[in-house]
Amino acid sequence: MENTENKKDIGGRIFGVCFILFFLTIGTLIVVNGIEKKIANDKFMETAVTVQATCVKVYRGSNTRADFKYEYNGSEYGFNDVKVIKATKIGKTITLYIDPNYPPRARWENDFKQVSKQIAAGFAIGGIGIIAIALWVIGVIYDKRHPEGVPRISRNITHRENEQ
């Protein structure tokens, strides 16, 4: 008698393992990168000062981008190629956080929001891998309980006519 384990498709198992590893690896890398960015942002914010920046140019396209100018200690600086909403117009002001020791280094609140979104996306992608592992474990347990496949329940159906 052949072992049912030998009948399994080895290619399917290899694909399953690769699927799980892919999502777990990508999810983990995205989360780790996001955490590194968050740590860098937190360190940056320890000494950052705020300035008001004014929109000087808007680029419309599939993604709306804009250039901003700001002044610090009598010098003017640019904060360029910033992803903004479509309603952004020249003259709009935003609050920037700058490094007082190196004023060209600037960040704004959307930078911080993007890091949070990145970490959440990493967990979601990694979650796909975790769900795949759970389904695989359930499948292994089911195979051990039912090596012949899905159990069939047969019923004898009697008609009322036959009962009388």
N, C-alpha and C. Protein backbone atom coordinates (compact mmCIF):
# COMPACT_ATOMS: atom_id res chain seq x y z
N MET A 1 0.84 -1.18 0.00
CA MET A 1 0.00 0.00 0.00
C MET A 1 0.88 1.24 0.00
N GLU A 2 0.57 2.17 -0.91
CA GLU A 2 1.37 3.39 -1.01
C GLU A 2 1.03 4.34 0.12
N ASN A 3 2.03 5.02 0.58
CA ASN A 3 1.84 6.03 1.60
C ASN A 3 1.21 7.26 0.94
N THR A 4 0.11 7.77 1.51
CA THR A 4 -0.56 8.93 0.92
C THR A 4 0.34 10.16 0.93
N GLU A 5 1.30 10.19 1.83
CA GLU A 5 2.25 11.29 1.92
C GLU A 5 3.08 11.38 0.64
N ASN A 6 3.40 10.23 0.02
CA ASN A 6 4.19 10.21 -1.20
C ASN A 6 3.42 10.74 -2.40
N LYS A 7 2.11 10.75 -2.31
CA LYS A 7 1.28 11.20 -3.42
C LYS A 7 1.17 12.72 -3.48
N LYS A 8 1.55 13.38 -2.45
CA LYS A 8 1.42 14.84 -2.39
C LYS A 8 2.29 15.49 -3.46
N ASP A 9 1.83 16.63 -3.89
CA ASP A 9 2.55 17.39 -4.91
C ASP A 9 3.67 18.19 -4.23
N ILE A 10 4.91 17.78 -4.47
CA ILE A 10 6.05 18.45 -3.86
C ILE A 10 6.19 19.88 -4.35
N GLY A 11 5.80 20.13 -5.58
CA GLY A 11 5.84 21.50 -6.12
C GLY A 11 4.93 22.43 -5.36
N GLY A 12 3.76 21.94 -4.99
CA GLY A 12 2.83 22.74 -4.20
C GLY A 12 3.39 23.10 -2.85
N ARG A 13 4.10 22.16 -2.24
CA ARG A 13 4.71 22.43 -0.93
C ARG A 13 5.83 23.46 -1.05
N ILE A 14 6.63 23.32 -2.10
CA ILE A 14 7.72 24.29 -2.30
C ILE A 14 7.13 25.68 -2.53
N PHE A 15 6.09 25.75 -3.35
CA PHE A 15 5.43 27.03 -3.59
C PHE A 15 4.89 27.61 -2.29
N GLY A 16 4.26 26.77 -1.48
CA GLY A 16 3.70 27.23 -0.21
C GLY A 16 4.75 27.80 0.72
N VAL A 17 5.87 27.10 0.83
CA VAL A 17 6.96 27.58 1.68
C VAL A 17 7.52 28.89 1.14
N CYS A 18 7.71 28.99 -0.17
CA CYS A 18 8.21 30.22 -0.77
C CYS A 18 7.23 31.37 -0.56
N PHE A 19 5.93 31.09 -0.69
CA PHE A 19 4.88 32.09 -0.48
C PHE A 19 4.97 32.64 0.94
N ILE A 20 5.06 31.74 1.90
CA ILE A 20 5.13 32.14 3.31
C ILE A 20 6.40 32.96 3.56
N LEU A 21 7.54 32.46 3.10
CA LEU A 21 8.80 33.15 3.34
C LEU A 21 8.84 34.52 2.66
N PHE A 22 8.27 34.61 1.47
CA PHE A 22 8.23 35.88 0.75
C PHE A 22 7.50 36.94 1.57
N PHE A 23 6.28 36.63 1.99
CA PHE A 23 5.49 37.62 2.72
C PHE A 23 6.07 37.93 4.10
N LEU A 24 6.58 36.93 4.78
CA LEU A 24 7.21 37.19 6.08
C LEU A 24 8.47 38.05 5.93
N THR A 25 9.29 37.75 4.93
CA THR A 25 10.53 38.51 4.72
C THR A 25 10.24 39.94 4.32
N ILE A 26 9.38 40.13 3.33
CA ILE A 26 9.07 41.48 2.87
C ILE A 26 8.42 42.28 3.99
N GLY A 27 7.46 41.69 4.67
CA GLY A 27 6.80 42.37 5.79
C GLY A 27 7.78 42.78 6.86
N THR A 28 8.68 41.87 7.22
CA THR A 28 9.68 42.16 8.25
C THR A 28 10.60 43.29 7.81
N LEU A 29 11.07 43.26 6.57
CA LEU A 29 11.96 44.31 6.07
C LEU A 29 11.28 45.67 6.08
N ILE A 30 10.02 45.71 5.69
CA ILE A 30 9.28 46.98 5.66
C ILE A 30 9.10 47.51 7.08
N VAL A 31 8.75 46.64 8.03
CA VAL A 31 8.58 47.07 9.42
C VAL A 31 9.90 47.57 9.99
N VAL A 32 10.98 46.82 9.79
CA VAL A 32 12.28 47.21 10.33
C VAL A 32 12.72 48.56 9.75
N ASN A 33 12.54 48.74 8.44
CA ASN A 33 12.89 50.02 7.82
C ASN A 33 12.05 51.15 8.39
N GLY A 34 10.77 50.91 8.59
CA GLY A 34 9.88 51.92 9.16
C GLY A 34 10.28 52.29 10.58
N ILE A 35 10.65 51.29 11.37
CA ILE A 35 11.08 51.56 12.75
C ILE A 35 12.38 52.37 12.76
N GLU A 36 13.30 52.04 11.84
CA GLU A 36 14.54 52.81 11.74
C GLU A 36 14.24 54.27 11.40
N LYS A 37 13.30 54.50 10.47
CA LYS A 37 12.92 55.86 10.11
C LYS A 37 12.27 56.58 11.29
N LYS A 38 11.44 55.86 12.04
CA LYS A 38 10.79 56.46 13.20
C LYS A 38 11.81 56.87 14.25
N ILE A 39 12.80 56.03 14.49
CA ILE A 39 13.86 56.36 15.45
C ILE A 39 14.63 57.60 14.98
N ALA A 40 14.93 57.64 13.68
CA ALA A 40 15.64 58.81 13.13
C ALA A 40 14.79 60.06 13.26
N ASN A 41 13.48 59.96 12.98
CA ASN A 41 12.59 61.11 13.12
C ASN A 41 12.52 61.58 14.57
N ASP A 42 12.41 60.63 15.50
CA ASP A 42 12.35 61.00 16.92
C ASP A 42 13.62 61.71 17.36
N LYS A 43 14.76 61.23 16.89
CA LYS A 43 16.04 61.87 17.23
C LYS A 43 16.11 63.27 16.61
N PHE A 44 15.65 63.38 15.36
CA PHE A 44 15.63 64.67 14.68
C PHE A 44 14.77 65.67 15.45
N MET A 45 13.61 65.22 15.93
CA MET A 45 12.67 66.11 16.60
C MET A 45 13.16 66.59 17.96
N GLU A 46 14.16 65.93 18.54
CA GLU A 46 14.70 66.35 19.84
C GLU A 46 15.27 67.76 19.78
N THR A 47 15.85 68.14 18.64
CA THR A 47 16.48 69.46 18.52
C THR A 47 15.82 70.34 17.45
N ALA A 48 14.82 69.82 16.75
CA ALA A 48 14.22 70.56 15.64
C ALA A 48 13.51 71.83 16.11
N VAL A 49 13.50 72.82 15.22
CA VAL A 49 12.73 74.04 15.45
C VAL A 49 11.74 74.18 14.29
N THR A 50 10.66 74.92 14.53
CA THR A 50 9.65 75.07 13.49
C THR A 50 9.84 76.37 12.73
N VAL A 51 9.52 76.32 11.45
CA VAL A 51 9.50 77.50 10.59
C VAL A 51 8.30 77.37 9.66
N GLN A 52 7.86 78.50 9.13
CA GLN A 52 6.77 78.50 8.16
C GLN A 52 7.38 78.54 6.76
N ALA A 53 6.92 77.63 5.90
CA ALA A 53 7.40 77.58 4.52
C ALA A 53 6.24 77.93 3.59
N THR A 54 6.54 78.66 2.53
CA THR A 54 5.53 79.11 1.58
C THR A 54 5.72 78.39 0.25
N CYS A 55 4.59 77.94 -0.32
CA CYS A 55 4.61 77.25 -1.61
C CYS A 55 4.95 78.26 -2.71
N VAL A 56 5.96 77.91 -3.51
CA VAL A 56 6.37 78.80 -4.60
C VAL A 56 6.12 78.19 -5.98
N LYS A 57 5.89 76.88 -6.03
CA LYS A 57 5.63 76.24 -7.33
C LYS A 57 4.88 74.94 -7.09
N VAL A 58 3.91 74.64 -7.97
CA VAL A 58 3.13 73.41 -7.88
C VAL A 58 3.26 72.66 -9.20
N TYR A 59 3.53 71.37 -9.11
CA TYR A 59 3.64 70.49 -10.29
C TYR A 59 2.44 69.56 -10.28
N ARG A 60 1.60 69.67 -11.29
CA ARG A 60 0.41 68.82 -11.38
C ARG A 60 0.73 67.63 -12.27
N GLY A 61 0.20 66.48 -11.90
CA GLY A 61 0.41 65.26 -12.66
C GLY A 61 -0.29 64.13 -11.93
N SER A 62 0.20 62.91 -12.11
CA SER A 62 -0.42 61.79 -11.41
C SER A 62 -0.28 61.98 -9.89
N ASN A 63 0.82 62.58 -9.46
CA ASN A 63 1.02 62.99 -8.07
C ASN A 63 1.32 64.48 -8.06
N THR A 64 0.58 65.23 -7.26
CA THR A 64 0.83 66.66 -7.18
C THR A 64 2.01 66.90 -6.24
N ARG A 65 2.96 67.67 -6.72
CA ARG A 65 4.16 67.99 -5.94
C ARG A 65 4.34 69.49 -5.92
N ALA A 66 5.08 69.96 -4.92
CA ALA A 66 5.28 71.40 -4.80
C ALA A 66 6.67 71.70 -4.25
N ASP A 67 7.11 72.93 -4.51
CA ASP A 67 8.36 73.45 -3.94
C ASP A 67 7.98 74.53 -2.92
N PHE A 68 8.68 74.53 -1.79
CA PHE A 68 8.45 75.51 -0.74
C PHE A 68 9.76 76.24 -0.44
N LYS A 69 9.63 77.47 0.03
CA LYS A 69 10.77 78.26 0.47
C LYS A 69 10.52 78.66 1.92
N TYR A 70 11.62 78.71 2.69
CA TYR A 70 11.53 79.16 4.07
C TYR A 70 12.79 79.91 4.43
N GLU A 71 12.69 80.70 5.48
CA GLU A 71 13.81 81.51 5.91
C GLU A 71 14.16 81.13 7.34
N TYR A 72 15.47 81.08 7.60
CA TYR A 72 15.94 80.81 8.97
C TYR A 72 17.23 81.58 9.19
N ASN A 73 17.25 82.39 10.24
CA ASN A 73 18.42 83.22 10.59
C ASN A 73 18.91 84.08 9.41
N GLY A 74 17.97 84.64 8.67
CA GLY A 74 18.32 85.56 7.59
C GLY A 74 18.68 84.90 6.27
N SER A 75 18.72 83.57 6.21
CA SER A 75 19.02 82.87 4.95
C SER A 75 17.78 82.15 4.44
N GLU A 76 17.69 82.05 3.12
CA GLU A 76 16.53 81.39 2.51
C GLU A 76 16.91 79.98 2.06
N TYR A 77 15.97 79.04 2.26
CA TYR A 77 16.20 77.64 1.91
C TYR A 77 15.00 77.11 1.15
N GLY A 78 15.22 76.01 0.44
CA GLY A 78 14.14 75.38 -0.31
C GLY A 78 13.81 74.00 0.23
N PHE A 79 12.54 73.68 0.17
CA PHE A 79 12.04 72.35 0.53
C PHE A 79 11.28 71.90 -0.71
N ASN A 80 11.94 71.11 -1.57
CA ASN A 80 11.45 70.88 -2.92
C ASN A 80 10.91 69.46 -3.14
N ASP A 81 10.10 69.38 -4.19
CA ASP A 81 9.54 68.10 -4.65
C ASP A 81 8.77 67.39 -3.53
N VAL A 82 7.87 68.13 -2.89
CA VAL A 82 7.09 67.63 -1.77
C VAL A 82 5.74 67.15 -2.29
N LYS A 83 5.36 65.93 -1.92
CA LYS A 83 4.05 65.41 -2.32
C LYS A 83 2.98 66.11 -1.49
N VAL A 84 2.03 66.74 -2.20
CA VAL A 84 0.97 67.51 -1.56
C VAL A 84 -0.38 67.13 -2.15
N ILE A 85 -1.45 67.64 -1.55
CA ILE A 85 -2.79 67.38 -2.08
C ILE A 85 -3.02 68.24 -3.32
N LYS A 86 -3.98 67.83 -4.16
CA LYS A 86 -4.23 68.53 -5.42
C LYS A 86 -4.66 69.98 -5.22
N ALA A 87 -5.29 70.28 -4.09
CA ALA A 87 -5.80 71.63 -3.84
C ALA A 87 -4.71 72.62 -3.45
N THR A 88 -3.47 72.17 -3.33
CA THR A 88 -2.38 73.06 -2.94
C THR A 88 -2.16 74.15 -3.98
N LYS A 89 -2.04 75.38 -3.50
CA LYS A 89 -1.85 76.53 -4.40
C LYS A 89 -0.61 77.31 -3.98
N ILE A 90 -0.08 78.06 -4.91
CA ILE A 90 1.06 78.93 -4.62
C ILE A 90 0.64 79.91 -3.52
N GLY A 91 1.52 80.08 -2.55
CA GLY A 91 1.23 80.98 -1.42
C GLY A 91 0.80 80.23 -0.17
N LYS A 92 0.41 78.96 -0.31
CA LYS A 92 0.02 78.15 0.86
C LYS A 92 1.23 77.99 1.77
N THR A 93 0.99 78.04 3.08
CA THR A 93 2.09 77.85 4.02
C THR A 93 1.91 76.53 4.78
N ILE A 94 3.04 75.93 5.11
CA ILE A 94 3.07 74.72 5.92
C ILE A 94 4.12 74.91 7.01
N THR A 95 3.97 74.14 8.08
CA THR A 95 4.96 74.18 9.15
C THR A 95 6.00 73.11 8.89
N LEU A 96 7.26 73.53 8.88
CA LEU A 96 8.39 72.60 8.72
C LEU A 96 9.15 72.51 10.03
N TYR A 97 9.80 71.38 10.19
CA TYR A 97 10.72 71.19 11.31
C TYR A 97 12.11 71.12 10.71
N ILE A 98 13.01 71.98 11.21
CA ILE A 98 14.35 72.02 10.64
C ILE A 98 15.40 71.77 11.72
N ASP A 99 16.54 71.32 11.27
CA ASP A 99 17.69 71.14 12.15
C ASP A 99 18.37 72.50 12.29
N PRO A 100 18.38 73.09 13.50
CA PRO A 100 18.97 74.43 13.63
C PRO A 100 20.46 74.46 13.33
N ASN A 101 21.14 73.33 13.43
CA ASN A 101 22.57 73.28 13.11
C ASN A 101 22.82 73.11 11.62
N TYR A 102 21.80 72.67 10.89
CA TYR A 102 21.90 72.50 9.44
C TYR A 102 20.52 72.79 8.83
N PRO A 103 20.16 74.07 8.69
CA PRO A 103 18.81 74.47 8.28
C PRO A 103 18.29 73.87 6.97
N PRO A 104 19.13 73.47 6.00
CA PRO A 104 18.56 72.85 4.80
C PRO A 104 17.89 71.50 5.09
N ARG A 105 18.21 70.88 6.22
CA ARG A 105 17.60 69.59 6.57
C ARG A 105 16.24 69.88 7.22
N ALA A 106 15.18 69.55 6.48
CA ALA A 106 13.83 69.86 6.95
C ALA A 106 12.92 68.64 6.79
N ARG A 107 11.91 68.60 7.64
CA ARG A 107 10.86 67.56 7.57
C ARG A 107 9.54 68.23 7.89
N TRP A 108 8.46 67.57 7.45
CA TRP A 108 7.14 68.08 7.80
C TRP A 108 6.27 66.94 8.24
N GLU A 109 5.09 67.27 8.75
CA GLU A 109 4.26 66.26 9.41
C GLU A 109 3.89 65.08 8.52
N ASN A 110 3.79 65.28 7.22
CA ASN A 110 3.47 64.15 6.34
C ASN A 110 4.58 63.11 6.34
N ASP A 111 5.82 63.53 6.57
CA ASP A 111 6.93 62.57 6.66
C ASP A 111 6.68 61.60 7.81
N PHE A 112 6.17 62.12 8.92
CA PHE A 112 5.93 61.28 10.08
C PHE A 112 4.73 60.35 9.85
N LYS A 113 3.71 60.85 9.15
CA LYS A 113 2.54 60.02 8.84
C LYS A 113 2.92 58.87 7.91
N GLN A 114 3.80 59.15 6.96
CA GLN A 114 4.21 58.11 6.02
C GLN A 114 4.93 56.97 6.72
N VAL A 115 5.71 57.28 7.75
CA VAL A 115 6.42 56.24 8.50
C VAL A 115 5.42 55.33 9.19
N SER A 116 4.39 55.92 9.80
CA SER A 116 3.36 55.12 10.48
C SER A 116 2.63 54.21 9.48
N LYS A 117 2.33 54.75 8.30
CA LYS A 117 1.67 53.95 7.26
C LYS A 117 2.57 52.81 6.80
N GLN A 118 3.87 53.09 6.70
CA GLN A 118 4.81 52.07 6.26
C GLN A 118 4.86 50.92 7.26
N ILE A 119 4.92 51.24 8.55
CA ILE A 119 4.97 50.20 9.58
C ILE A 119 3.69 49.37 9.55
N ALA A 120 2.54 50.03 9.41
CA ALA A 120 1.26 49.31 9.35
C ALA A 120 1.21 48.40 8.12
N ALA A 121 1.70 48.89 6.98
CA ALA A 121 1.71 48.07 5.76
C ALA A 121 2.62 46.86 5.93
N GLY A 122 3.76 47.05 6.58
CA GLY A 122 4.67 45.93 6.83
C GLY A 122 4.01 44.85 7.67
N PHE A 123 3.29 45.27 8.72
CA PHE A 123 2.59 44.29 9.54
C PHE A 123 1.49 43.59 8.75
N ALA A 124 0.80 44.32 7.87
CA ALA A 124 -0.25 43.71 7.05
C ALA A 124 0.34 42.67 6.10
N ILE A 125 1.44 43.00 5.47
CA ILE A 125 2.08 42.06 4.54
C ILE A 125 2.62 40.85 5.30
N GLY A 126 3.26 41.08 6.44
CA GLY A 126 3.72 39.97 7.27
C GLY A 126 2.55 39.13 7.77
N GLY A 127 1.42 39.79 8.02
CA GLY A 127 0.22 39.07 8.46
C GLY A 127 -0.27 38.06 7.44
N ILE A 128 -0.09 38.37 6.16
CA ILE A 128 -0.46 37.41 5.12
C ILE A 128 0.36 36.13 5.29
N GLY A 129 1.66 36.29 5.56
CA GLY A 129 2.52 35.13 5.79
C GLY A 129 2.09 34.34 7.03
N ILE A 130 1.71 35.05 8.08
CA ILE A 130 1.28 34.39 9.32
C ILE A 130 -0.02 33.63 9.09
N ILE A 131 -0.96 34.23 8.35
CA ILE A 131 -2.21 33.53 8.02
C ILE A 131 -1.91 32.29 7.19
N ALA A 132 -0.98 32.40 6.25
CA ALA A 132 -0.61 31.24 5.43
C ALA A 132 -0.02 30.12 6.29
N ILE A 133 0.80 30.48 7.29
CA ILE A 133 1.35 29.47 8.20
C ILE A 133 0.22 28.79 8.97
N ALA A 134 -0.73 29.59 9.47
CA ALA A 134 -1.85 29.03 10.22
C ALA A 134 -2.66 28.06 9.35
N LEU A 135 -2.92 28.44 8.11
CA LEU A 135 -3.66 27.55 7.21
C LEU A 135 -2.87 26.29 6.91
N TRP A 136 -1.57 26.41 6.78
CA TRP A 136 -0.72 25.25 6.53
C TRP A 136 -0.77 24.29 7.72
N VAL A 137 -0.66 24.84 8.94
CA VAL A 137 -0.72 24.00 10.15
C VAL A 137 -2.08 23.30 10.24
N ILE A 138 -3.15 24.03 9.97
CA ILE A 138 -4.48 23.41 9.99
C ILE A 138 -4.55 22.29 8.96
N GLY A 139 -3.99 22.51 7.78
CA GLY A 139 -3.97 21.48 6.74
C GLY A 139 -3.19 20.24 7.16
N VAL A 140 -2.06 20.43 7.82
CA VAL A 140 -1.25 19.30 8.29
C VAL A 140 -2.02 18.51 9.34
N ILE A 141 -2.64 19.21 10.27
CA ILE A 141 -3.42 18.53 11.31
C ILE A 141 -4.58 17.76 10.68
N TYR A 142 -5.26 18.38 9.72
CA TYR A 142 -6.40 17.73 9.06
C TYR A 142 -5.93 16.48 8.31
N ASP A 143 -4.79 16.58 7.61
CA ASP A 143 -4.26 15.42 6.87
C ASP A 143 -3.95 14.26 7.79
N LYS A 144 -3.46 14.54 8.98
CA LYS A 144 -3.13 13.46 9.92
C LYS A 144 -4.39 12.80 10.46
N ARG A 145 -5.45 13.58 10.62
CA ARG A 145 -6.71 13.02 11.14
C ARG A 145 -7.49 12.29 10.06
N HIS A 146 -7.36 12.75 8.84
CA HIS A 146 -8.12 12.17 7.73
C HIS A 146 -7.19 11.85 6.56
N PRO A 147 -6.35 10.82 6.67
CA PRO A 147 -5.37 10.54 5.62
C PRO A 147 -6.01 10.15 4.29
N GLU A 148 -7.25 9.73 4.30
CA GLU A 148 -7.93 9.35 3.06
C GLU A 148 -8.68 10.52 2.42
N GLY A 149 -8.62 11.66 3.02
CA GLY A 149 -9.31 12.82 2.46
C GLY A 149 -10.52 13.19 3.28
N VAL A 150 -11.44 13.90 2.67
CA VAL A 150 -12.63 14.37 3.35
C VAL A 150 -13.54 13.19 3.67
N PRO A 151 -13.93 13.02 4.95
CA PRO A 151 -14.82 11.91 5.28
C PRO A 151 -16.21 12.16 4.71
N ARG A 152 -16.81 11.10 4.23
CA ARG A 152 -18.16 11.22 3.66
C ARG A 152 -19.15 10.60 4.63
N ILE A 153 -20.24 11.30 4.82
CA ILE A 153 -21.30 10.81 5.68
C ILE A 153 -22.43 10.37 4.76
N SER A 154 -22.80 9.11 4.87
CA SER A 154 -23.91 8.65 4.03
C SER A 154 -25.16 8.57 4.88
N ARG A 155 -26.26 8.92 4.29
CA ARG A 155 -27.54 8.88 4.99
C ARG A 155 -28.51 8.02 4.19
N ASN A 156 -29.32 7.35 4.90
CA ASN A 156 -30.42 6.63 4.27
C ASN A 156 -31.63 7.55 4.31
N ILE A 157 -32.06 7.96 3.16
CA ILE A 157 -33.19 8.87 3.10
C ILE A 157 -34.43 8.02 2.80
N THR A 158 -35.37 8.15 3.62
CA THR A 158 -36.63 7.42 3.40
C THR A 158 -37.71 8.43 3.10
N HIS A 159 -38.58 8.01 2.25
CA HIS A 159 -39.70 8.88 1.89
C HIS A 159 -40.89 8.54 2.74
N ARG A 160 -41.72 9.49 2.99
CA ARG A 160 -42.91 9.27 3.81
C ARG A 160 -43.79 8.16 3.23
N GLU A 161 -43.78 8.07 1.94
CA GLU A 161 -44.62 7.05 1.30
C GLU A 161 -44.18 5.65 1.69
N ASN A 162 -42.87 5.45 1.82
CA ASN A 162 -42.35 4.14 2.16
C ASN A 162 -42.56 3.78 3.62
N GLU A 163 -42.74 4.79 4.47
CA GLU A 163 -42.92 4.53 5.89
C GLU A 163 -44.30 3.98 6.17
N GLN A 164 -45.29 4.28 5.38
CA GLN A 164 -46.65 3.84 5.67
C GLN A 164 -46.95 2.49 5.16
